[in-house]
Protein backbone atom coordinates (compact mmCIF):
# COMPACT_ATOMS: atom_id res chain seq x y z
CA MET A 1 3.62 -24.57 18.97
CA GLN A 2 -0.16 -24.80 18.84
CA HIS A 3 -0.28 -25.38 22.61
CA ALA A 4 1.97 -22.36 23.21
CA ARG A 5 -0.32 -20.07 21.27
CA CYS A 6 -3.34 -21.37 23.15
CA PHE A 7 -1.58 -20.94 26.49
CA GLN A 8 -0.90 -17.29 25.70
CA LEU A 9 -4.57 -16.82 24.95
CA ALA A 10 -5.58 -18.50 28.18
CA GLU A 11 -3.11 -16.43 30.16
CA PHE A 12 -4.71 -13.27 28.77
CA ASP A 13 -8.16 -14.62 29.67
CA TYR A 14 -7.01 -15.37 33.21
CA ARG A 15 -5.94 -11.76 33.70
CA GLU A 16 -9.37 -10.61 32.56
CA PHE A 17 -10.86 -13.28 34.85
CA ASN A 18 -9.11 -11.80 37.89
CA ASN A 19 -9.87 -8.18 36.96
CA TYR A 20 -13.63 -8.58 36.81
CA THR A 21 -14.41 -11.31 39.40
CA ILE A 22 -13.71 -12.31 42.98
CA LEU A 23 -12.33 -15.83 43.42
CA ALA A 24 -13.35 -17.72 46.56
CA ASP A 25 -10.38 -20.01 46.12
CA HIS A 26 -7.13 -19.05 44.32
CA GLN A 27 -6.39 -22.63 43.36
CA ARG A 28 -9.81 -22.89 41.73
CA GLY A 29 -8.86 -20.01 39.44
CA HIS A 30 -5.80 -21.90 38.19
CA ILE A 31 -7.93 -24.97 37.55
CA ALA A 32 -10.41 -22.88 35.55
CA ALA A 33 -7.59 -21.42 33.48
CA ASP A 34 -6.12 -24.86 32.82
CA VAL A 35 -9.53 -26.15 31.73
CA ARG A 36 -9.83 -23.30 29.22
CA VAL A 37 -6.41 -24.07 27.81
CA GLY A 38 -7.39 -27.64 27.09
CA SER A 39 -10.73 -26.63 25.67
CA LEU A 40 -9.35 -24.01 23.28
CA CYS A 41 -6.55 -26.27 22.08
CA ALA A 42 -8.83 -29.22 21.59
CA HIS A 43 -11.32 -27.23 19.52
CA ALA A 44 -8.96 -24.78 17.77
CA ASP A 45 -10.20 -25.97 14.38
CA GLN A 46 -13.87 -25.35 15.24
CA PRO A 47 -15.82 -22.13 14.59
CA ALA A 48 -15.73 -19.53 17.36
CA TRP A 49 -19.46 -19.82 18.15
CA ARG A 50 -19.20 -23.59 18.66
CA ILE A 51 -16.23 -23.26 21.02
CA TRP A 52 -18.19 -20.74 23.09
CA LEU A 53 -21.32 -22.89 23.27
CA ASN A 54 -19.29 -25.95 24.30
CA ARG A 55 -17.62 -23.91 27.04
CA ILE A 56 -20.99 -22.64 28.31
CA ALA A 57 -22.46 -26.15 28.44
CA SER A 58 -19.41 -27.51 30.27
CA ASN A 59 -19.37 -24.72 32.86
CA PHE A 60 -23.14 -24.90 33.40
CA THR A 61 -22.87 -28.60 34.23
CA LYS A 62 -19.99 -28.03 36.68
CA VAL A 63 -21.96 -25.34 38.55
CA PHE A 64 -24.72 -27.73 39.60
CA GLU A 65 -22.45 -30.77 40.11
CA ASN A 66 -20.64 -29.06 43.04
CA PRO A 67 -22.89 -29.41 46.16
CA GLU A 68 -20.30 -27.79 48.46
CA GLU A 69 -20.54 -24.41 46.72
CA PRO A 70 -23.51 -22.08 47.43
CA GLN A 71 -25.86 -21.88 44.45
CA ALA A 72 -25.70 -18.09 44.12
CA PHE A 73 -21.91 -18.12 43.96
CA GLY A 74 -22.06 -21.02 41.51
CA VAL A 75 -24.18 -19.01 39.05
CA PHE A 76 -21.83 -16.03 39.45
CA SER A 77 -18.86 -18.30 38.78
CA PHE A 78 -20.63 -19.70 35.71
CA TRP A 79 -21.02 -16.24 34.14
CA ARG A 80 -17.51 -15.02 34.95
CA VAL A 81 -15.87 -18.16 33.51
CA ASN A 82 -17.93 -17.84 30.35
CA TYR A 83 -17.01 -14.17 30.05
CA SER A 84 -13.33 -15.13 30.08
CA ALA A 85 -13.92 -17.92 27.57
CA ALA A 86 -15.76 -15.50 25.27
CA VAL A 87 -12.90 -12.99 25.48
CA GLY A 88 -10.44 -15.73 24.52
CA VAL A 89 -12.53 -16.82 21.56
CA MET A 90 -12.90 -13.24 20.32
CA GLN A 91 -9.16 -12.65 20.61
CA MET A 92 -8.46 -15.83 18.63
CA THR A 93 -10.97 -14.81 15.95
CA ILE A 94 -9.48 -11.30 15.65
CA LYS A 95 -5.98 -12.76 15.36
CA LYS A 96 -7.06 -14.99 12.48
CA GLY A 97 -8.66 -11.99 10.80
CA LEU A 98 -5.49 -9.92 11.17
CA GLU A 99 -3.44 -12.75 9.67
CA LYS A 100 -5.73 -12.71 6.65
CA ASN A 101 -5.31 -8.95 6.22
CA LEU A 102 -1.98 -9.36 4.44
CA PRO A 103 -3.15 -11.63 1.57
CA THR A 104 -6.49 -9.80 1.33
CA THR A 105 -4.83 -6.37 1.08
CA LEU A 106 -2.31 -7.67 -1.44
CA TRP A 107 -5.10 -8.99 -3.66
CA LEU A 108 -6.98 -5.72 -3.22
CA ALA A 109 -3.86 -3.89 -4.44
CA PHE A 110 -3.60 -6.38 -7.31
CA PHE A 111 -7.07 -5.62 -8.64
CA GLN A 112 -6.85 -1.91 -7.83
CA VAL A 113 -4.18 -1.50 -10.51
CA PHE A 114 -5.39 -4.30 -12.79
CA LEU A 115 -5.74 -1.80 -15.62
CA VAL A 116 -6.36 -3.76 -18.79
CA ILE A 117 -6.49 -0.52 -20.79
CA MET A 118 -3.18 0.84 -19.46
CA PRO A 119 -0.97 -0.50 -22.31
CA ILE A 120 -3.32 1.11 -24.84
CA ALA A 121 -4.37 4.14 -22.78
CA VAL A 122 -2.81 6.71 -25.13
CA PRO A 123 -4.23 5.14 -28.33
CA PHE A 124 -7.59 4.74 -26.59
CA PHE A 125 -7.67 8.40 -25.52
CA GLN A 126 -6.61 9.47 -29.00
CA SER A 127 -9.41 7.35 -30.49
CA LYS A 128 -11.77 9.58 -28.50
CA GLY A 129 -10.33 12.67 -30.21
CA LEU A 130 -7.63 13.75 -27.70
CA SER A 131 -4.24 15.22 -28.65
CA MET A 132 -1.06 14.42 -26.72
CA GLN A 133 -1.38 17.69 -24.85
CA GLU A 134 -4.93 16.73 -23.85
CA VAL A 135 -3.73 13.27 -22.80
CA PHE A 136 -1.21 14.84 -20.42
CA SER A 137 -3.81 17.40 -19.33
CA LEU A 138 -6.22 14.57 -18.55
CA GLN A 139 -3.62 12.90 -16.36
CA ALA A 140 -2.86 16.24 -14.78
CA PHE A 141 -6.58 16.57 -13.99
CA PHE A 142 -6.48 13.13 -12.38
CA GLY A 143 -3.47 14.31 -10.39
CA PHE A 144 -5.31 17.49 -9.41
CA VAL A 145 -8.26 15.44 -8.08
CA VAL A 146 -5.84 13.30 -6.10
CA VAL A 147 -4.06 16.41 -4.82
CA ILE A 148 -7.19 18.00 -3.34
CA THR A 149 -8.49 14.71 -1.88
CA GLU A 150 -5.25 12.92 -0.93
CA VAL A 151 -4.57 14.52 2.44
CA PRO A 152 -8.24 14.62 3.60
CA SER A 153 -8.61 10.96 2.66
CA GLY A 154 -5.48 9.93 4.57
CA TYR A 155 -6.64 11.99 7.54
CA PHE A 156 -10.02 10.25 7.28
CA ALA A 157 -8.26 6.87 7.51
CA ASP A 158 -6.28 7.96 10.60
CA LEU A 159 -9.43 9.24 12.31
CA PHE A 160 -12.04 6.61 11.44
CA GLY A 161 -10.06 3.56 10.40
CA ARG A 162 -8.16 2.17 7.44
CA LYS A 163 -10.84 -0.34 6.45
CA GLN A 164 -13.51 2.36 6.13
CA ALA A 165 -11.25 4.37 3.81
CA LEU A 166 -10.52 1.31 1.67
CA VAL A 167 -14.21 0.41 1.34
CA VAL A 168 -15.25 3.92 0.28
CA GLY A 169 -12.27 4.26 -2.06
CA SER A 170 -13.01 0.92 -3.72
CA LEU A 171 -16.63 2.01 -4.22
CA PHE A 172 -15.54 5.16 -6.08
CA ALA A 173 -13.07 3.13 -8.17
CA GLY A 174 -15.82 0.71 -9.19
CA ILE A 175 -18.09 3.57 -10.22
CA GLY A 176 -15.29 5.20 -12.23
CA HIS A 177 -14.48 2.05 -14.19
CA SER A 178 -18.17 1.52 -14.91
CA LEU A 179 -18.28 4.96 -16.56
CA LEU A 180 -15.40 4.14 -18.93
CA PRO A 181 -17.44 2.35 -21.66
CA PHE A 182 -19.68 5.42 -21.99
CA ALA A 183 -16.89 8.02 -22.10
CA ASP A 184 -16.40 10.02 -25.29
CA GLY A 185 -14.33 13.18 -25.62
CA PHE A 186 -12.23 15.05 -23.08
CA TRP A 187 -14.90 16.00 -20.55
CA THR A 188 -16.59 12.60 -20.31
CA LEU A 189 -13.17 11.03 -19.81
CA ALA A 190 -12.53 13.70 -17.18
CA ILE A 191 -15.54 12.40 -15.20
CA PHE A 192 -14.02 8.92 -15.35
CA GLU A 193 -10.72 10.33 -14.05
CA LEU A 194 -12.58 12.25 -11.31
CA ALA A 195 -14.16 9.13 -9.81
CA LEU A 196 -10.93 7.19 -10.22
CA GLY A 197 -8.92 9.96 -8.54
CA ILE A 198 -11.18 10.06 -5.48
CA GLY A 199 -11.00 6.29 -5.16
CA TYR A 200 -7.23 6.25 -5.59
CA SER A 201 -6.69 8.92 -2.94
CA LEU A 202 -8.81 7.04 -0.39
CA ILE A 203 -6.95 3.78 -0.98
CA SER A 204 -3.50 5.38 -1.18
CA GLY A 205 -1.87 5.41 2.24
CA ALA A 206 -4.68 3.48 3.93
CA ASP A 207 -3.57 0.13 2.47
CA ILE A 208 0.03 0.35 3.61
CA ALA A 209 -1.02 1.78 6.99
CA LEU A 210 -3.39 -1.15 7.51
CA LEU A 211 -0.63 -3.63 6.69
CA TYR A 212 1.88 -1.99 9.04
CA ASP A 213 -0.72 -1.85 11.83
CA SER A 214 -1.71 -5.49 11.28
CA GLU A 215 1.92 -6.64 11.47
CA ALA A 216 2.43 -4.63 14.66
CA ALA A 217 -0.79 -5.97 16.23
CA LEU A 218 0.39 -9.53 15.53
CA GLY A 219 3.67 -8.76 17.32
CA ARG A 220 5.86 -9.27 14.27
CA GLY A 221 9.30 -7.72 14.10
CA GLU A 222 10.78 -4.91 12.03
CA HIS A 223 12.04 -7.33 9.36
CA ASP A 224 8.49 -8.53 8.61
CA GLN A 225 7.17 -4.98 8.57
CA ARG A 226 9.88 -3.91 6.10
CA GLN A 227 8.82 -6.65 3.68
CA VAL A 228 5.30 -5.20 3.54
CA VAL A 229 6.18 -2.34 1.18
CA GLY A 230 8.09 -4.60 -1.20
CA ARG A 231 5.33 -7.19 -1.36
CA LEU A 232 2.66 -4.53 -1.85
CA TYR A 233 4.46 -2.78 -4.70
CA SER A 234 5.52 -6.09 -6.22
CA MET A 235 1.91 -7.28 -6.23
CA ARG A 236 0.82 -4.11 -7.98
CA THR A 237 3.43 -4.37 -10.69
CA VAL A 238 2.70 -8.07 -11.23
CA SER A 239 -0.91 -7.03 -11.66
CA GLU A 240 0.11 -4.52 -14.32
CA ALA A 241 2.06 -7.24 -16.13
CA VAL A 242 -0.84 -9.71 -16.05
CA ALA A 243 -3.26 -6.98 -17.12
CA ALA A 244 -0.97 -6.16 -20.05
CA LEU A 245 -1.00 -9.79 -21.20
CA VAL A 246 -4.78 -9.92 -20.87
CA CYS A 247 -4.96 -6.70 -22.88
CA SER A 248 -2.96 -8.21 -25.75
CA PHE A 249 -5.25 -11.23 -25.73
CA LEU A 250 -8.42 -9.10 -25.75
CA LEU A 251 -7.08 -6.94 -28.58
CA LEU A 252 -7.36 -9.98 -30.83
CA TRP A 253 -11.08 -9.14 -30.82
CA SER A 254 -11.35 -5.39 -30.22
CA MET A 255 -10.32 -2.48 -28.02
CA ASP A 256 -13.91 -2.15 -26.78
CA LEU A 257 -13.77 -5.64 -25.24
CA ALA A 258 -10.79 -4.57 -23.12
CA VAL A 259 -12.80 -1.56 -21.92
CA TYR A 260 -15.77 -3.72 -20.88
CA VAL A 261 -13.52 -6.18 -19.02
CA GLN A 262 -11.99 -3.22 -17.20
CA ALA A 263 -15.44 -2.07 -16.11
CA VAL A 264 -16.18 -5.48 -14.53
CA VAL A 265 -12.79 -6.02 -12.83
CA GLY A 266 -13.01 -2.53 -11.34
CA TRP A 267 -15.50 -3.80 -8.73
CA PHE A 268 -13.28 -6.59 -7.34
CA PRO A 269 -11.46 -4.32 -4.81
CA LEU A 270 -14.77 -3.43 -3.14
CA VAL A 271 -15.54 -7.10 -2.46
CA LEU A 272 -12.06 -7.67 -1.00
CA SER A 273 -12.15 -4.52 1.16
CA LEU A 274 -15.27 -5.79 2.93
CA LEU A 275 -13.29 -8.87 4.12
CA LEU A 276 -10.64 -6.84 5.98
CA VAL A 277 -10.36 -6.60 9.78
CA GLU A 278 -9.56 -3.20 11.29
CA PRO A 279 -6.40 -3.55 13.46
CA GLN A 280 -6.40 -1.90 16.85
CA GLY A 281 -3.87 0.89 17.20
CA GLU A 282 -3.29 4.55 17.89
CA ARG A 283 -5.67 7.00 16.22
CA LEU A 284 -5.54 10.74 15.88
CA SER A 285 -7.66 12.79 18.23
CA PRO A 286 -10.79 14.18 16.50
CA VAL A 287 -10.78 17.26 18.78
CA ASN A 288 -8.33 19.68 17.13
CA HIS A 289 -7.67 18.99 13.44
CA ALA A 290 -5.40 22.02 12.93
CA ASP A 291 -3.05 20.89 15.71
CA ASN A 292 -3.01 17.36 14.28
CA MET A 293 -1.94 18.56 10.83
CA LYS A 294 0.65 20.90 12.33
CA ARG A 295 2.16 18.07 14.36
CA ILE A 296 2.29 15.77 11.31
CA CYS A 297 3.96 18.37 9.07
CA LEU A 298 6.47 19.34 11.77
CA HIS A 299 7.39 15.69 12.28
CA LEU A 300 7.96 15.16 8.55
CA LEU A 301 10.06 18.28 8.12
CA THR A 302 11.96 18.58 11.43
CA HIS A 303 12.32 15.04 12.83
CA SER A 304 15.57 14.40 10.91
CA SER A 305 17.26 15.43 7.69
CA VAL A 306 16.90 11.87 6.34
CA LEU A 307 13.13 11.84 6.88
CA ARG A 308 12.74 15.30 5.36
CA LEU A 309 14.76 14.44 2.24
CA VAL A 310 13.05 11.05 1.86
CA PHE A 311 9.68 12.79 1.95
CA ILE A 312 10.76 15.34 -0.68
CA ALA A 313 12.29 12.59 -2.85
CA LEU A 314 8.97 10.73 -2.89
CA CYS A 315 7.33 13.94 -4.10
CA VAL A 316 9.91 14.99 -6.72
CA TRP A 317 12.18 12.07 -7.69
CA SER A 318 9.16 9.89 -8.55
CA LEU A 319 8.44 12.23 -11.47
CA THR A 320 11.67 11.20 -13.23
CA THR A 321 10.26 7.73 -13.96
CA PHE A 322 6.59 8.67 -14.25
CA TYR A 323 6.88 10.80 -17.39
CA ALA A 324 8.27 7.79 -19.24
CA VAL A 325 5.06 5.85 -18.58
CA TRP A 326 3.13 8.27 -20.80
CA LEU A 327 5.83 8.69 -23.46
CA LEU A 328 6.72 5.04 -24.10
CA GLN A 329 3.45 4.16 -25.83
CA LYS A 330 3.77 7.12 -28.18
CA LEU A 331 7.40 6.19 -28.86
CA TRP A 332 6.41 2.61 -29.75
CA GLU A 333 3.76 3.98 -32.07
CA LEU A 334 6.31 6.22 -33.80
CA GLN A 335 8.69 3.25 -34.15
CA GLY A 336 6.01 1.33 -36.02
CA ILE A 337 5.31 -1.31 -33.35
CA GLY A 338 1.86 -2.84 -33.74
CA LEU A 339 -0.78 -2.10 -31.13
CA SER A 340 -1.27 -5.80 -30.43
CA HIS A 341 2.35 -6.00 -29.16
CA PHE A 342 1.97 -3.20 -26.62
CA GLY A 343 0.63 -5.57 -23.97
CA TYR A 344 3.57 -7.96 -24.17
CA LEU A 345 6.09 -5.12 -24.08
CA TRP A 346 4.34 -3.55 -21.09
CA ALA A 347 4.14 -6.89 -19.28
CA GLY A 348 7.92 -7.33 -19.54
CA LEU A 349 8.55 -3.88 -18.12
CA SER A 350 6.06 -4.40 -15.28
CA LEU A 351 7.61 -7.75 -14.35
CA SER A 352 11.03 -6.11 -14.14
CA ALA A 353 9.59 -3.54 -11.73
CA ALA A 354 7.94 -6.31 -9.69
CA LEU A 355 11.22 -8.22 -9.33
CA ALA A 356 13.08 -5.04 -8.41
CA ALA A 357 10.50 -4.21 -5.75
CA ARG A 358 10.44 -7.75 -4.35
CA TYR A 359 14.21 -7.81 -3.80
CA ALA A 360 14.77 -4.10 -3.12
CA HIS A 361 15.79 -4.61 0.51
CA ARG A 362 18.14 -7.43 -0.42
CA VAL A 363 19.80 -5.21 -3.03
CA GLU A 364 20.09 -2.46 -0.43
CA GLU A 365 21.81 -4.86 1.97
CA CYS A 366 24.24 -6.00 -0.73
CA VAL A 367 25.30 -2.66 -2.22
CA GLY A 368 24.46 -0.29 0.64
CA PRO A 369 21.93 2.55 0.74
CA SER A 370 24.25 5.17 -0.77
CA THR A 371 25.05 3.08 -3.86
CA LEU A 372 21.39 2.22 -4.27
CA LEU A 373 20.45 5.91 -4.18
CA VAL A 374 23.04 6.64 -6.87
CA ILE A 375 21.54 3.91 -9.06
CA ILE A 376 17.96 5.13 -8.77
CA GLY A 377 19.05 8.75 -9.22
CA ILE A 378 21.13 8.31 -12.39
CA SER A 379 19.29 5.45 -14.15
CA PRO A 380 16.28 7.48 -15.39
CA ALA A 381 18.57 10.05 -17.05
CA ILE A 382 20.41 7.23 -18.86
CA GLY A 383 17.05 5.77 -19.82
CA TYR A 384 15.80 8.96 -21.49
CA LEU A 385 19.02 9.25 -23.51
CA GLY A 386 18.85 5.57 -24.46
CA LEU A 387 15.27 5.79 -25.71
CA GLU A 388 16.43 8.16 -28.40
CA GLY A 389 19.91 6.88 -29.16
CA PHE A 390 19.69 3.06 -28.94
CA GLY A 391 17.04 2.33 -31.58
CA MET A 392 13.96 0.11 -31.23
CA VAL A 393 15.51 -2.89 -29.44
CA GLY A 394 18.08 -0.92 -27.48
CA GLY A 395 15.42 1.63 -26.55
CA TYR A 396 13.28 -1.10 -25.02
CA PHE A 397 16.16 -2.23 -22.83
CA ALA A 398 16.80 1.42 -21.96
CA SER A 399 13.17 1.70 -20.82
CA LEU A 400 13.89 -1.02 -18.25
CA THR A 401 15.90 1.55 -16.30
CA PHE A 402 12.70 3.47 -15.46
CA PHE A 403 10.85 0.44 -14.13
CA VAL A 404 13.78 -1.12 -12.26
CA SER A 405 14.77 2.14 -10.60
CA ARG A 406 11.12 2.86 -9.78
CA GLY A 407 10.70 -0.59 -8.21
CA LEU A 408 13.86 -0.20 -6.13
CA GLY A 409 13.38 3.44 -5.23
CA LEU A 410 9.73 3.51 -4.22
CA VAL A 411 10.07 0.46 -1.95
CA VAL A 412 13.20 1.69 -0.16
CA LEU A 413 11.97 5.29 0.16
CA ARG A 414 8.46 4.30 1.30
CA ASP A 415 9.88 1.94 3.89
CA ALA A 416 12.29 4.64 5.11
CA LEU A 417 9.33 6.99 5.47
CA ASN A 418 7.05 4.55 7.31
CA ARG A 419 9.72 3.41 9.77
CA ARG A 420 10.24 7.02 10.89
CA ILE A 421 6.62 8.03 11.53
CA PRO A 422 4.23 7.00 14.34
CA GLY A 423 1.34 4.68 13.54
CA GLU A 424 -1.30 7.18 14.60
CA PHE A 425 -0.76 9.36 11.51
CA ARG A 426 0.91 6.91 9.11
CA ALA A 427 -1.92 7.09 6.54
CA THR A 428 -1.85 10.89 6.51
CA ALA A 429 1.95 10.98 6.09
CA ASN A 430 1.79 8.59 3.13
CA SER A 431 -1.03 10.65 1.64
CA LEU A 432 1.04 13.82 2.02
CA ALA A 433 3.85 12.18 0.03
CA SER A 434 1.41 11.23 -2.72
CA PHE A 435 -0.06 14.73 -2.50
CA GLY A 436 3.35 16.25 -3.21
CA PHE A 437 3.99 13.90 -6.13
CA ARG A 438 0.60 14.47 -7.74
CA GLY A 439 0.84 18.21 -7.18
CA ALA A 440 4.21 18.30 -8.93
CA PHE A 441 2.79 16.35 -11.87
CA VAL A 442 -0.20 18.70 -12.10
CA LEU A 443 2.24 21.58 -12.55
CA THR A 444 4.64 19.87 -14.95
CA GLY A 445 2.64 17.19 -16.81
CA PRO A 446 0.80 19.50 -19.24
CA LEU A 447 4.08 21.32 -19.89
CA VAL A 448 5.77 18.05 -20.96
CA GLY A 449 2.84 17.30 -23.27
CA TYR A 450 2.99 20.80 -24.72
CA LEU A 451 6.75 20.52 -25.34
CA TYR A 452 6.21 17.23 -27.14
CA ASP A 453 3.55 18.73 -29.41
CA LEU A 454 5.83 21.74 -30.01
CA TRP A 455 9.29 20.16 -30.41
CA GLY A 456 8.78 16.42 -30.86
CA MET A 457 10.03 13.29 -29.10
CA ARG A 458 13.82 13.75 -29.33
CA GLU A 459 14.00 17.19 -27.75
CA THR A 460 11.50 16.21 -25.04
CA LEU A 461 13.60 13.18 -24.06
CA TYR A 462 16.78 15.25 -23.90
CA LEU A 463 15.04 17.84 -21.73
CA LEU A 464 13.77 15.17 -19.32
CA ALA A 465 17.26 13.64 -19.09
CA ALA A 466 18.68 17.03 -18.11
CA ALA A 467 15.91 17.61 -15.55
CA THR A 468 16.53 14.16 -14.04
CA PHE A 469 20.23 14.90 -13.62
CA CYS A 470 19.40 18.20 -11.89
CA ILE A 471 17.09 16.37 -9.47
CA PHE A 472 19.89 13.90 -8.75
CA VAL A 473 22.39 16.66 -7.92
CA THR A 474 20.05 18.85 -5.86
CA LEU A 475 18.05 16.15 -4.01
CA ILE A 476 19.50 12.64 -4.17
CA VAL A 477 23.09 13.69 -3.44
CA PRO A 478 22.07 15.57 -0.23
CA LEU A 479 20.04 12.50 0.78
CA ILE A 480 23.11 10.30 0.29
CA ARG A 481 25.13 12.63 2.52
CA ALA A 482 22.39 12.64 5.19
CA VAL A 483 22.23 8.83 5.20
CA ALA A 484 26.02 8.57 5.47
CA SER A 485 26.05 11.07 8.34
CA GLN A 486 23.34 9.16 10.16
CA GLN A 487 25.18 5.85 9.73
CA LYS A 488 28.38 7.44 11.04
CA SER A 489 26.64 8.78 14.13
CA LEU A 490 25.12 5.37 14.83
CA VAL A 491 28.53 3.72 14.61
CA GLN A 492 29.95 6.25 17.08
CA VAL A 493 27.07 5.80 19.52
CA ALA A 494 27.26 1.99 19.56
CA PRO A 495 30.61 1.71 21.48
CA VAL A 496 29.39 4.27 24.03
CA GLU A 497 26.27 2.22 24.73
CA GLN A 498 28.32 -0.93 25.12
CA ASN A 499 30.58 0.77 27.69
């Protein structure tokens, strides 16, 4: 297997060899190619610069050991052979870098959402003098920042590269977390959310686009590319679970210690982003930006009914599970659960989401896409009703419905989106989906907080259950019909193609 990979490299080098040089003897060219195969295979475990120097020394010796060849042609042959060897070494180095992109990006995603303060975010904000309405307004402000920067940041990644977007986004995230220990009151926390929002928007879309492009550049099949979304989301949710456990441990000392740890960990993504390798692929033309955006929007909305409804579901359906994230902590507080237990409870929920995301495609294969869409559409409504009606223990199990359905739904819907869009504007398309989701939360988040302050927890949960059911009827059901129609058309086309 090692020899086969090296032979493919050498074959590529030999094509370059023929394109840029003139061979006096065709057989000599085959000998040169065979020599490079042996050299690369024999030194595959050596650094790239050492392989190149060894190749140069070997070729230089052969030039002057051949008395039958004119000296001028010998020097020319020396340089052309070394050029081919250098191209082969660079290709091998780039391939190794692309193979490392997957684990590096996964760890970047891990530390991006390693939010030690997340399980105690609401109590922490309230300790700074915020009401529940202000807590939701603060998150709406974060969403507003993401809304106005999401699409430009994704477009930036499609124009200039995914790595550049990840580096700049990680820099903003590090700055935002460093501001957290000094925040006090609504407006200082708003500055923290501002920096975090800019960083999030730059990373969102660019990370998954880089992974898809890396898998394509390595020649891996559709099955491997489909696993990317599940592994990425699973890594993020595992990070949330680990961060929650760390939070519970740090709370044995103080809440401030958790804040300081968050400020330090916030810089880890920047270090990891610098280790990434930019995959080669299609990029948007920088000539006419208006035409680019028009083409992207038309593709999302007119390519097929499935793509259009998947895109809208990512914008709207995601809200049905997101509100619960900001209500659960307040519910636990009202139920008399101690703050030190929040981390353990949050870790269990995050692990359930991670498992759901990791095996989302396997569940889809077992039950079918239509059944899976029914599950993710109805489960949040049941969860909101269960939070109120099942008591403390039953309510915790009811809260699992939000995290399991979110893990299943986001992976399947994101994969459905990315498999239906070209690579040249994949980052922008993902950013547009996040833009729609954040925009919807900006409009509705403060309203949910206001209704809670006005009516209380029970009425708010009932209202969210009703809204979730409406979203299921008006959005998820049409998506189920579109998927079934597409599957039926594919089944009808298959016999025709065989004939």
